[in-house]
Structure formats: C-alpha cells, structure tokens
Protein backbone atom coordinates (compact mmCIF):
# COMPACT_ATOMS: atom_id res chain seq x y z
CA MET A 1 -33.93 -16.91 6.04
CA SER A 2 -31.60 -14.15 5.73
CA THR A 3 -32.66 -10.99 3.78
CA VAL A 4 -29.15 -10.83 2.37
CA MET A 5 -30.05 -13.87 0.13
CA THR A 6 -33.77 -13.52 -0.23
CA ARG A 7 -33.60 -10.13 -1.80
CA PRO A 8 -30.19 -9.72 -3.54
CA GLY A 9 -29.41 -6.46 -5.25
CA ARG A 10 -27.24 -5.94 -8.23
CA LEU A 11 -24.20 -5.83 -6.09
CA ALA A 12 -24.87 -9.14 -4.48
CA ALA A 13 -25.55 -10.52 -7.92
CA ALA A 14 -22.32 -9.36 -8.97
CA GLY A 15 -20.56 -11.26 -6.19
CA GLN A 16 -22.59 -14.42 -7.07
CA TRP A 17 -21.37 -14.01 -10.76
CA MET A 18 -17.84 -13.88 -9.42
CA GLN A 19 -18.52 -17.09 -7.29
CA ARG A 20 -19.83 -19.05 -10.29
CA HIS A 21 -17.09 -17.88 -12.74
CA GLY A 22 -14.08 -18.63 -10.67
CA ALA A 23 -12.32 -20.29 -13.60
CA VAL A 24 -12.67 -17.08 -15.53
CA ILE A 25 -11.06 -15.15 -12.62
CA ARG A 26 -8.08 -17.65 -12.55
CA GLY A 27 -7.92 -17.31 -16.21
CA ILE A 28 -7.45 -13.51 -15.85
CA GLN A 29 -4.85 -14.11 -13.30
CA TRP A 30 -2.76 -16.06 -15.55
CA VAL A 31 -2.79 -13.61 -18.25
CA VAL A 32 -1.63 -10.93 -15.75
CA VAL A 33 1.04 -13.31 -14.69
CA ALA A 34 2.15 -13.59 -18.31
CA VAL A 35 2.19 -9.83 -18.79
CA TYR A 36 3.88 -9.13 -15.55
CA ALA A 37 6.73 -11.76 -16.25
CA PHE A 38 7.26 -10.20 -19.64
CA LEU A 39 7.42 -6.70 -18.39
CA ILE A 40 9.96 -7.40 -15.55
CA ILE A 41 12.13 -9.93 -17.54
CA VAL A 42 12.45 -8.71 -21.09
CA PRO A 43 13.43 -5.04 -20.37
CA ALA A 44 16.08 -6.32 -17.92
CA VAL A 45 18.07 -8.15 -20.70
CA MET A 46 17.67 -5.20 -23.18
CA PRO A 47 20.09 -2.31 -23.61
CA LEU A 48 19.06 0.77 -21.56
CA PRO A 49 17.28 3.41 -23.64
CA ASP A 50 19.30 6.16 -25.22
CA ASP A 51 18.31 9.84 -25.69
CA THR A 52 16.19 9.10 -28.82
CA ALA A 53 13.99 6.59 -27.10
CA HIS A 54 10.26 7.32 -26.60
CA LEU A 55 7.43 5.55 -24.65
CA TRP A 56 5.99 4.28 -27.89
CA ASN A 57 9.12 2.82 -29.37
CA ASN A 58 11.11 1.51 -26.44
CA LEU A 59 10.04 -1.45 -24.36
CA THR A 60 12.08 -0.47 -21.40
CA LEU A 61 10.40 3.05 -21.25
CA ALA A 62 6.97 1.54 -21.94
CA ALA A 63 7.53 -1.00 -19.06
CA GLN A 64 8.63 1.73 -16.70
CA PHE A 65 5.57 3.80 -17.61
CA VAL A 66 3.27 0.82 -17.11
CA PHE A 67 4.67 -0.18 -13.88
CA TRP A 68 5.26 3.06 -12.09
CA GLY A 69 3.20 5.32 -14.06
CA ILE A 70 -0.09 3.51 -14.37
CA TRP A 71 0.03 0.14 -12.63
CA TRP A 72 1.08 0.98 -9.06
CA PRO A 73 -0.73 4.34 -8.50
CA PHE A 74 -3.95 3.01 -9.81
CA VAL A 75 -3.57 -0.27 -7.82
CA LEU A 76 -3.63 2.01 -4.67
CA LEU A 77 -6.66 3.92 -6.12
CA SER A 78 -8.41 0.69 -6.66
CA MET A 79 -8.06 -0.34 -3.03
CA VAL A 80 -10.03 2.73 -2.14
CA MET A 81 -12.70 2.46 -4.70
CA LEU A 82 -13.11 -1.45 -4.96
CA GLY A 83 -11.55 -2.95 -2.05
CA ARG A 84 -8.71 -5.58 -2.51
CA VAL A 85 -10.21 -6.74 -5.95
CA TRP A 86 -6.61 -6.39 -7.33
CA CYS A 87 -5.34 -8.90 -4.74
CA GLY A 88 -8.14 -11.45 -5.34
CA VAL A 89 -8.69 -11.00 -9.14
CA LEU A 90 -5.35 -9.64 -10.71
CA CYS A 91 -2.37 -9.92 -8.39
CA PRO A 92 0.35 -12.15 -10.12
CA GLU A 93 2.15 -12.76 -6.76
CA GLY A 94 -1.13 -14.00 -5.11
CA ALA A 95 -1.85 -16.26 -7.97
CA LEU A 96 1.58 -17.93 -8.05
CA ALA A 97 1.76 -18.23 -4.26
CA GLU A 98 -1.62 -20.00 -4.12
CA PHE A 99 -0.70 -22.21 -7.21
CA ALA A 100 2.64 -23.09 -5.62
CA SER A 101 0.93 -23.89 -2.34
CA LYS A 102 -1.24 -26.32 -4.06
CA PHE A 103 1.76 -28.67 -4.89
CA GLY A 104 3.97 -27.74 -1.82
CA ARG A 105 4.74 -29.28 1.38
CA GLY A 106 1.76 -27.87 3.23
CA TRP A 107 3.81 -27.11 6.49
CA ALA A 108 1.98 -25.44 9.39
CA ILE A 109 2.62 -21.58 9.43
CA PRO A 110 5.46 -20.81 11.85
CA ARG A 111 5.13 -18.45 14.87
CA TRP A 112 7.68 -16.03 13.58
CA MET A 113 5.69 -15.52 10.28
CA ARG A 114 2.71 -14.46 12.33
CA TRP A 115 4.47 -11.53 14.05
CA GLY A 116 2.22 -8.50 13.48
CA GLY A 117 5.09 -6.27 12.63
CA TRP A 118 5.97 -7.74 9.21
CA PRO A 119 3.72 -5.39 7.19
CA PHE A 120 5.58 -2.41 8.48
CA VAL A 121 8.94 -3.95 8.43
CA ALA A 122 8.56 -5.40 4.99
CA PHE A 123 7.11 -2.10 3.53
CA GLY A 124 10.03 -0.19 5.00
CA ILE A 125 12.79 -2.47 3.78
CA THR A 126 11.31 -2.81 0.33
CA THR A 127 10.69 1.00 -0.09
CA ILE A 128 14.37 2.07 1.13
CA TYR A 129 15.93 -0.79 -0.90
CA GLY A 130 14.02 0.47 -3.98
CA GLN A 131 15.67 3.82 -3.71
CA MET A 132 18.96 2.37 -3.05
CA VAL A 133 18.91 0.66 -6.45
CA SER A 134 16.65 3.29 -8.29
CA VAL A 135 13.86 0.98 -8.79
CA TYR A 136 11.68 3.43 -10.64
CA GLN A 137 14.32 4.13 -13.36
CA TYR A 138 16.05 0.78 -14.21
CA PRO A 139 14.76 -2.69 -15.27
CA LYS A 140 17.28 -4.71 -13.65
CA ALA A 141 16.39 -3.11 -10.28
CA VAL A 142 12.75 -3.79 -11.08
CA LEU A 143 13.56 -7.36 -11.79
CA LEU A 144 15.62 -7.50 -8.56
CA VAL A 145 12.76 -6.07 -6.32
CA LEU A 146 9.60 -7.20 -7.95
CA GLY A 147 10.89 -10.38 -9.13
CA GLY A 148 12.60 -11.23 -5.88
CA SER A 149 9.37 -10.52 -3.95
CA THR A 150 7.52 -12.92 -6.46
CA PHE A 151 10.26 -15.53 -6.07
CA ALA A 152 9.93 -15.39 -2.34
CA ALA A 153 6.11 -15.59 -2.54
CA ILE A 154 6.48 -18.89 -4.63
CA ILE A 155 9.05 -20.24 -2.10
CA ILE A 156 6.59 -19.56 0.81
CA GLY A 157 3.81 -21.11 -1.16
CA LEU A 158 5.69 -24.14 -1.73
CA LEU A 159 6.66 -24.54 1.87
CA TYR A 160 3.56 -23.37 3.87
CA GLY A 161 -0.20 -23.93 3.73
CA ARG A 162 -2.33 -25.87 1.27
CA GLU A 163 -3.76 -23.76 -1.56
CA LYS A 164 -3.43 -20.69 0.65
CA ARG A 165 -1.93 -17.27 0.14
CA VAL A 166 0.44 -17.30 3.26
CA TRP A 167 2.85 -14.82 1.60
CA CYS A 168 -0.19 -12.43 1.02
CA LYS A 169 -1.34 -12.79 4.61
CA TYR A 170 1.81 -12.35 6.43
CA LEU A 171 4.81 -11.18 4.49
CA CYS A 172 3.65 -9.28 1.47
CA PRO A 173 5.52 -5.81 1.45
CA VAL A 174 2.27 -3.95 0.53
CA ASN A 175 -0.25 -6.08 2.37
CA GLY A 176 -0.43 -3.66 5.20
CA VAL A 177 -0.96 -0.72 2.96
CA PHE A 178 -3.68 -2.56 1.06
CA SER A 179 -5.27 -3.37 4.15
CA LEU A 180 -5.45 0.16 5.44
CA LEU A 181 -6.74 1.55 1.96
CA ALA A 182 -9.41 -1.30 1.71
CA ARG A 183 -11.01 0.04 4.95
CA LEU A 184 -12.28 3.02 2.91
CA ALA A 185 -13.99 1.00 0.22
CA PRO A 186 -17.69 1.59 -0.33
CA PHE A 187 -18.60 -2.06 -0.25
CA HIS A 188 -17.46 -5.32 1.21
CA TYR A 189 -18.66 -8.88 1.76
CA LYS A 190 -20.86 -8.82 4.59
CA VAL A 191 -21.52 -11.86 6.89
CA ASP A 192 -25.11 -12.21 7.97
CA GLU A 193 -24.56 -14.00 11.47
CA ASP A 194 -28.08 -15.14 11.88
CA ALA A 195 -28.06 -16.86 8.51
CA TRP A 196 -24.93 -18.42 9.32
CA ARG A 197 -26.27 -19.86 12.43
CA HIS A 198 -29.36 -20.90 10.60
CA SER A 199 -27.35 -22.83 8.14
CA TYR A 200 -26.18 -25.30 10.87
CA LYS A 201 -29.68 -26.82 10.89
CA ASN A 202 -30.89 -26.05 7.44
CA GLY A 203 -27.69 -26.31 5.30
CA GLU A 204 -27.06 -23.97 2.26
CA HIS A 205 -30.19 -23.74 -0.10
CA GLY A 206 -31.58 -26.75 1.81
CA HIS A 207 -28.48 -28.78 0.94
CA ARG A 208 -25.39 -29.83 2.79
CA VAL A 209 -22.90 -26.94 3.14
CA ILE A 210 -20.03 -27.23 0.85
CA PRO A 211 -16.79 -26.03 2.32
CA ILE A 212 -14.88 -23.38 0.44
CA ASN A 213 -11.22 -22.31 0.27
CA CYS A 214 -10.43 -18.89 1.42
CA ALA A 215 -7.14 -18.49 0.26
CA PRO A 216 -6.10 -15.38 2.08
CA LEU A 217 -6.97 -17.10 5.42
CA VAL A 218 -9.73 -14.84 6.47
CA PRO A 219 -12.04 -16.49 9.25
CA LEU A 220 -15.09 -16.09 7.27
CA ARG A 221 -17.87 -16.30 10.17
CA ASN A 222 -16.11 -13.58 12.06
CA MET A 223 -15.20 -11.51 8.98
CA LYS A 224 -16.03 -7.90 9.37
CA GLY A 225 -14.94 -5.20 6.96
CA ALA A 226 -12.79 -5.34 3.88
CA ALA A 227 -9.23 -5.07 5.33
CA ASP A 228 -8.37 -8.59 4.93
CA CYS A 229 -10.64 -9.90 2.26
CA HIS A 230 -9.34 -10.22 -1.23
CA MET A 231 -12.71 -9.87 -2.82
CA CYS A 232 -12.24 -12.91 -5.06
CA GLY A 233 -15.99 -13.76 -4.74
CA ARG A 234 -15.41 -17.40 -3.69
CA CYS A 235 -17.35 -17.13 -0.60
CA SER A 236 -20.32 -15.19 -2.04
CA GLY A 237 -23.53 -16.95 -1.18
CA HIS A 238 -21.75 -19.37 1.39
CA ARG A 239 -24.11 -20.72 3.89
CA ASP A 240 -26.61 -18.35 2.55
CA ALA A 241 -24.94 -15.72 4.68
CA ILE A 242 -22.31 -13.98 2.67
CA ALA A 243 -23.07 -11.29 0.13
CA LEU A 244 -21.47 -8.27 -1.60
CA THR A 245 -23.02 -5.20 0.00
CA TRP A 246 -22.78 -1.48 0.01
CA ARG A 247 -21.68 0.43 3.15
CA ALA A 248 -20.68 3.89 3.98
CA PRO A 249 -16.90 4.60 3.17
CA SER A 250 -16.52 5.63 6.63
CA SER A 251 -17.94 2.68 8.52
CA GLU A 252 -14.85 0.49 8.92
CA VAL A 253 -12.53 3.18 10.21
CA VAL A 254 -15.30 4.67 12.54
CA GLN A 255 -17.25 1.70 13.76
CA LEU A 256 -14.47 -1.08 13.79
CA GLY A 257 -11.56 1.07 14.17
CA ASP A 258 -11.14 0.67 18.03
CA LYS A 259 -11.57 -3.17 17.67
CA LYS A 260 -8.80 -3.29 14.90
CA ALA A 261 -6.63 -0.71 16.66
CA ASN A 262 -2.95 -1.90 17.05
CA PRO A 263 0.35 -0.21 17.40
CA TRP A 264 1.69 -1.75 14.10
CA ASP A 265 -1.16 -0.27 11.87
CA THR A 266 -0.23 3.20 13.64
CA ALA A 267 3.43 2.62 12.85
CA LEU A 268 2.68 1.86 9.32
CA ILE A 269 0.57 5.01 8.87
CA LEU A 270 2.78 7.40 10.77
CA TYR A 271 6.29 6.08 10.17
CA GLY A 272 5.51 4.14 6.98
CA LEU A 273 3.21 6.07 4.71
CA LEU A 274 3.74 9.26 6.33
CA GLY A 275 7.59 8.88 6.99
CA ILE A 276 9.53 6.40 4.86
CA ALA A 277 7.33 6.93 1.77
CA ILE A 278 7.73 10.64 2.12
CA GLY A 279 11.47 10.50 2.44
CA ALA A 280 11.66 8.07 -0.56
CA PHE A 281 9.80 10.59 -2.78
CA HIS A 282 11.54 13.64 -1.22
CA TRP A 283 15.28 13.17 -1.48
CA THR A 284 15.41 13.47 -5.24
CA ALA A 285 13.84 16.81 -5.03
CA SER A 286 15.29 17.99 -1.59
CA ARG A 287 17.58 20.91 -1.63
CA TRP A 288 18.33 19.86 2.08
CA PHE A 289 19.77 16.56 0.78
CA ILE A 290 22.09 18.17 -1.79
CA ASP A 291 23.31 20.72 0.87
CA LEU A 292 23.85 17.87 3.42
CA LYS A 293 25.81 15.78 0.83
CA MET A 294 28.02 18.50 -0.02
CA PHE A 295 28.68 19.30 3.60
CA PHE A 296 29.72 15.62 4.41
CA ALA A 297 31.54 15.28 1.19
CA THR A 298 33.56 18.47 2.02
CA TRP A 299 34.29 17.27 5.51
CA LEU A 300 35.57 13.84 4.33
CA VAL A 301 37.85 15.43 1.76
CA ASP A 302 39.21 17.95 4.42
CA HIS A 303 39.94 14.97 6.67
CA ASP A 304 41.47 12.93 3.93
CA ILE A 305 38.70 10.26 4.13
CA THR A 306 38.03 9.40 0.50
CA TRP A 307 36.88 5.94 0.33
CA PRO A 308 33.15 6.89 1.05
CA LEU A 309 33.36 8.84 -2.29
CA ASP A 310 34.18 5.73 -4.41
CA THR A 311 31.70 4.64 -6.80
CA ASN A 312 32.51 0.88 -6.78
CA ALA A 313 29.55 -0.46 -5.32
CA PRO A 314 27.70 -3.09 -7.26
CA TRP A 315 24.27 -2.20 -9.01
CA PHE A 316 22.32 -4.57 -6.65
CA LEU A 317 23.51 -2.57 -3.52
CA PHE A 318 23.51 0.97 -4.72
CA THR A 319 22.65 2.37 -8.29
CA HIS A 320 25.69 1.91 -10.61
CA TYR A 321 25.06 2.66 -14.27
CA PRO A 322 27.97 4.58 -15.61
CA GLU A 323 26.62 4.70 -19.19
CA GLN A 324 23.87 6.68 -17.92
CA ASN A 325 25.97 9.00 -15.85
CA ASP A 326 24.13 7.71 -12.84
CA VAL A 327 26.37 6.25 -10.17
CA PHE A 328 26.00 6.18 -6.42
CA SER A 329 29.11 6.63 -4.22
CA TRP A 330 28.99 5.05 -0.78
CA LEU A 331 28.30 8.34 0.52
CA ASP A 332 25.35 8.71 -1.82
CA GLY A 333 23.80 5.53 -0.85
CA THR A 334 24.32 6.06 2.95
CA MET A 335 22.77 9.52 2.49
CA VAL A 336 19.76 8.15 0.78
CA ILE A 337 19.26 5.65 3.47
CA GLY A 338 19.90 8.13 6.28
CA TYR A 339 17.53 10.76 4.68
CA ILE A 340 14.70 8.55 4.41
CA LEU A 341 14.94 7.31 7.96
CA ALA A 342 15.43 10.79 9.32
CA THR A 343 12.48 11.95 7.41
CA ALA A 344 10.39 9.13 8.79
CA LEU A 345 11.56 9.78 12.28
CA VAL A 346 10.88 13.50 12.10
CA TYR A 347 7.37 13.27 10.31
CA GLY A 348 6.28 10.25 12.21
CA THR A 349 7.19 11.48 15.72
CA THR A 350 5.76 14.83 14.96
CA LEU A 351 2.46 13.30 13.86
CA LEU A 352 2.48 10.92 16.90
CA LEU A 353 2.84 13.82 19.43
CA LEU A 354 -0.03 15.83 17.74
CA LEU A 355 -2.31 12.78 17.61
CA MET A 356 -1.59 12.12 21.30
CA GLY A 357 -2.62 15.63 22.04
CA ALA A 358 -5.81 15.12 20.22
CA THR A 359 -6.34 11.89 22.19
CA ARG A 360 -5.73 13.64 25.45
CA MET A 361 -8.30 16.20 24.62
CA LEU A 362 -11.09 13.48 24.49
CA GLY A 363 -10.41 12.31 28.14
CA LEU A 364 -7.64 10.25 30.02
CA PHE A 365 -5.12 8.94 27.43
CA SER A 366 -5.96 5.67 25.88
CA SER A 367 -3.65 3.84 23.47
CA VAL A 368 -6.89 2.24 21.73
CA ARG A 369 -8.20 5.73 21.16
CA LEU A 370 -4.85 6.90 19.78
CA HIS A 371 -4.53 4.13 17.34
CA HIS A 372 -8.25 4.53 16.36
CA LEU A 373 -7.87 8.09 15.69
CA THR A 374 -4.61 7.51 13.66
CA GLN A 375 -6.80 5.65 11.25
CA ALA A 376 -8.38 8.91 10.27
CA LEU A 377 -5.19 9.77 8.51
CA ILE A 378 -5.46 6.79 5.93
CA PRO A 379 -7.01 9.04 3.26
CA ILE A 380 -4.29 11.63 3.37
CA ALA A 381 -1.70 8.82 3.74
CA GLY A 382 -2.99 7.04 0.62
CA ALA A 383 -3.28 10.22 -1.18
CA GLY A 384 0.28 11.16 -0.58
CA VAL A 385 1.64 7.92 -1.84
CA PHE A 386 -0.63 8.19 -4.98
CA LEU A 387 0.82 11.62 -5.64
CA GLY A 388 4.40 10.42 -5.06
CA LEU A 389 4.19 7.65 -7.42
CA SER A 390 2.19 9.73 -10.01
CA ALA A 391 5.27 12.13 -10.08
CA THR A 392 7.06 9.28 -11.98
CA THR A 393 4.03 9.39 -14.56
CA LEU A 394 4.37 13.07 -14.94
CA SER A 395 7.98 13.12 -15.22
CA LEU A 396 7.75 10.40 -18.15
CA LEU A 397 4.99 12.42 -19.79
CA ARG A 398 7.15 15.64 -19.55
CA ALA A 399 10.04 13.93 -21.26
CA GLU A 400 7.63 13.21 -24.13
CA HIS A 401 6.61 16.95 -24.23
CA VAL A 402 3.19 16.43 -23.00
CA SER A 403 1.34 19.47 -21.69
CA LEU A 404 0.93 19.27 -17.91
CA TRP A 405 -0.55 22.61 -17.23
CA TRP A 406 -3.30 20.59 -15.22
CA ALA A 407 -0.82 18.70 -12.89
CA SER A 408 -0.66 21.35 -10.14
CA ASP A 409 -4.35 22.04 -9.96
CA LEU A 410 -5.01 18.28 -9.88
CA ARG A 411 -2.52 17.76 -7.08
CA ILE A 412 -4.04 20.59 -5.02
CA THR A 413 -7.57 19.00 -5.51
CA ILE A 414 -6.45 15.58 -4.31
CA LEU A 415 -4.80 16.84 -1.41
CA ALA A 416 -8.00 19.13 -0.56
CA VAL A 417 -10.33 16.09 -0.91
CA ALA A 418 -7.85 13.88 1.23
CA ASN A 419 -7.54 16.52 3.91
CA LEU A 420 -11.47 16.86 4.05
CA TRP A 421 -11.95 12.99 4.13
CA SER A 422 -9.38 12.59 7.00
CA ALA A 423 -10.87 15.52 8.85
CA TRP A 424 -14.39 14.08 8.53
CA LEU A 425 -13.22 10.54 9.61
CA ALA A 426 -11.62 12.18 12.68
CA TRP A 427 -14.65 14.06 13.59
CA LEU A 428 -16.75 10.94 13.43
CA VAL A 429 -14.21 9.07 15.46
CA THR A 430 -14.09 11.66 18.18
CA ARG A 431 -17.94 11.17 18.61
CA ARG A 432 -17.26 7.66 19.56
CA TYR A 433 -15.45 9.00 22.66
CA SER A 434 -17.24 12.25 23.58
CA GLU A 435 -20.46 13.89 23.17
CA ARG A 436 -19.11 17.25 24.19
CA PHE A 437 -18.56 19.73 21.36
CA VAL A 438 -15.88 21.54 22.95
CA GLN A 439 -13.66 18.44 23.64
CA ARG A 440 -14.13 17.30 20.15
CA GLY A 441 -13.34 20.62 18.75
CA LEU A 442 -10.03 20.76 20.71
CA ALA A 443 -9.19 17.32 19.46
CA MET A 444 -9.74 18.43 16.00
CA MET A 445 -7.39 21.35 16.44
CA TRP A 446 -4.62 18.92 17.13
CA PHE A 447 -5.68 16.65 14.31
CA VAL A 448 -5.86 19.54 11.73
CA ALA A 449 -2.37 20.50 12.95
CA ALA A 450 -1.33 16.92 12.13
CA LEU A 451 -2.88 17.39 8.53
CA ALA A 452 -0.93 20.62 8.04
CA VAL A 453 2.34 18.98 8.78
CA VAL A 454 1.46 16.24 6.31
CA ASP A 455 0.54 18.86 3.72
CA SER A 456 3.85 20.63 4.28
CA ALA A 457 5.65 17.57 2.96
CA TRP A 458 3.91 17.83 -0.45
CA TRP A 459 4.24 21.54 -0.49
CA LEU A 460 7.98 21.24 -0.21
CA MET A 461 7.99 18.58 -2.89
CA PHE A 462 5.74 20.11 -5.38
CA TRP A 463 6.05 23.72 -4.91
CA GLY A 464 8.58 24.78 -2.21
CA TRP A 465 11.90 23.21 -3.81
CA ALA A 466 10.58 23.28 -7.21
CA SER A 467 10.22 27.21 -7.09
CA LYS A 468 13.98 27.70 -6.21
C-alpha cells in the first residue's frame, strides 16, 4: 500500500478535506461570481467619479482598487505561494465555464484550439488591448475586457466538452502565466505511480474505483508538477494514489523543466512577461514615449497630415473620455501599440541572445537547454508583473494621501529576492547539464547579465524617469 495514503500528513489531510467538501468550494465559487459580476457591471453604468470622490465613498474607485490594486496582484502572488488554488476554488470564469459545459453541446475540442501558442497570443492581445482602452482606469473598459473574456468562456463551455474547463485549458489569457508561476509553488498534488498500479487489482480503499471529473483536463495518472493542476482537491485520495504533498519550490523548474521545455513558454516569458507586460507598464511613465509622440506629431503637422491627430475613435477602440480630459488620438493609440511591441521586441530579443550565450557555455547549443534555462527567469518575470500592477495600488493610495515612504524600499526588496531566486534556479539548472564549475560560472555570467537587463526596465520606471 502507498505510503502516501497510509501515513497522511496535515497537508494531505487538507487535500482530503477539500475532496470531501466539494459542495462548499462550489458555493464559494458562486459567491465570488456574484461579487465579480457586481464589480464589473454596476460601476460601468454609473457616472465616472469626480474630483471629490474617494475609495471609501465611490463604488467605481473602490472597484478599481479591488480589481487592480488588490485582486490581480495578489492572485499572481497566490500562484507562487499556493499553486493554482485561485483557479480551482475562486475563479469566476472557471466556475461559469464548467457550469455552462454541464448543459452545453459537448462537442469534441477542435484541433485549432489545441494550438500551443494560444497562451502567449491571448496574453499579448489582452494586455495590449487593455492599454488601448485604459482598462486600469475606466469601468466600461473593465466590463469590455474582463466581461468579454467571461462571456467567451461561457460560450466555449456551451460548445465544447462536458463539465470541463476547456476555456481555462486552452484559451484563457492568463492560463500560461498562471501555469508558469505555479511551478514555483511549495506543494502540489503528487501521484504515487506504484499505488496507482496497485489500484488496478485492489481498487480504492478495497472497493471499486469511482471515476472523478478533472475539469481542467489534466491526465491524472501522468500528472507531474503543479503547472496544469487547478488545486481543487477533487482528485485527492483517488485510487489511494494522489495526495497534497510538500516539495522544494525549485523542483518543478529544475527537475521537470527539460521535459516541459517548449518554445511557447519561452516566448511567453521573454516576449510576454518580460516584453509586452513591461511595455504596457512603461509607456505611461516613459519620457521616450512623450518625445517620440511629439516628434511624430510635429512631422505630421509639418507635412499637413492631420487626421492621425483627430480624437474621434470610439471608446472601445481607443480611450475616449472627454469629460475626464482623457482622449486618445489615432496617433496616441498607434503609439501605445507600437511602443509596447517595440519594447517587447527589444527586451525579449536581448534576453533571448543572452540566454543563448549562457546555453552555449554549457556545451553544444541545445534548444531544450535554452528553454529549460529560460524558466529560471520565472521569479523575476512574476515579480515584475506584480510590481507593475501594484503601481496602480500605490497610485490610488497616493491619491488618498496615504504615506508611501516604504514603497521604494519594498520594491527594491522584491526585486532583490526575485533576482536571487532566479539566479539560484539558473545555478541548479546548469548543474543538470554540466558538473564543471568553470562552465557553469561562465553560463551564470550571461544569465546575470540577463537579470541586469530586466532590472534596468524597473529602474527606469520607478527611479530613472521618476527622478527627472
């Protein structure tokens, strides 16, 4: 009999509790759905806040603070600390997609949906479009972006699968990000392969094995790591072989990274989290953005081309709120898109070249080794997105005259921890490919240079441009 089930620890017992109390978890999900619907719908039909509004007396500002100041930054943090518990226990989109799938057509999942590039493409499109319509600032944009994503999840649920989360598995814009961050979580549902084989003859607890529904479509017998698991607890104890278990936070990246290595994860890390996301956070603070916009505006006027300076784009294409003195011209919107894409190209390609150099130091060039080593950047990539989102948190608090003397030191601490964590992961990954200290040391020099490039982006945003 598996030791997983004969000597369960407190963590395994917590997983068993989740399995027995699935109805409670589903109830929690519907409460979150109700709160989520209220926060994205009601502010969208209310007047925009005026200069006298505050977080404590205006629903729109309160919803903005909840979504972008608390909700999303700490959802990202929860992935690193708890795995994808948010997905399995709290996510409103997942709950609605699975509920719709229960009553839907149950069609087979088409080949186009299984394309491995969707996590990167969906993240990029959603991030850029969110900046085009100023999703962090305006409730109609929130309803359009988040509400549109939720509506798409329900439609996909109605069409494909049966009581499954097909949207979450293949098309959710943050599925790829959550999958990367969950690889750092300190525990996961571990499958005991010996106990699984034992269950073929002896059943589960001596009885016939009862099938379970894994909504996120994870092949349970071959499940390794926490990247795809939604941590809902339904499979805990299945076949006396699955239990919630502690692990080293480095284990999935270091031990399984070569098996999970693929170019789309690398693209999401380098050109997504460390490219598109940085550009999306950068442009509002960038002196370069302002200088470039002035250059192009002057050139257009000098050449008597004035239509790009018109501000007649609809709000669902480019930001258009005249009453707030916040209107994008066609030039503004095009500049935002171009700046984000250019930032992604510059940072992503620079990092890729540096990682290729690190890979070459470990022997003949190998794409598997490159993709594996790239995963060591997950901590610094996740920390950057957290810091970028938390900038909204701090700006809202600053508007309420809250003292933020601690913000700079906290940012430095987060970046320092993330740098050390990424460097440590990279050092462990290099040991998978070479025992020679000199080779590994040379590879680390290239990797540390990559970390410096990432740090330069946040130095510019929080200290470089802010000091001018």
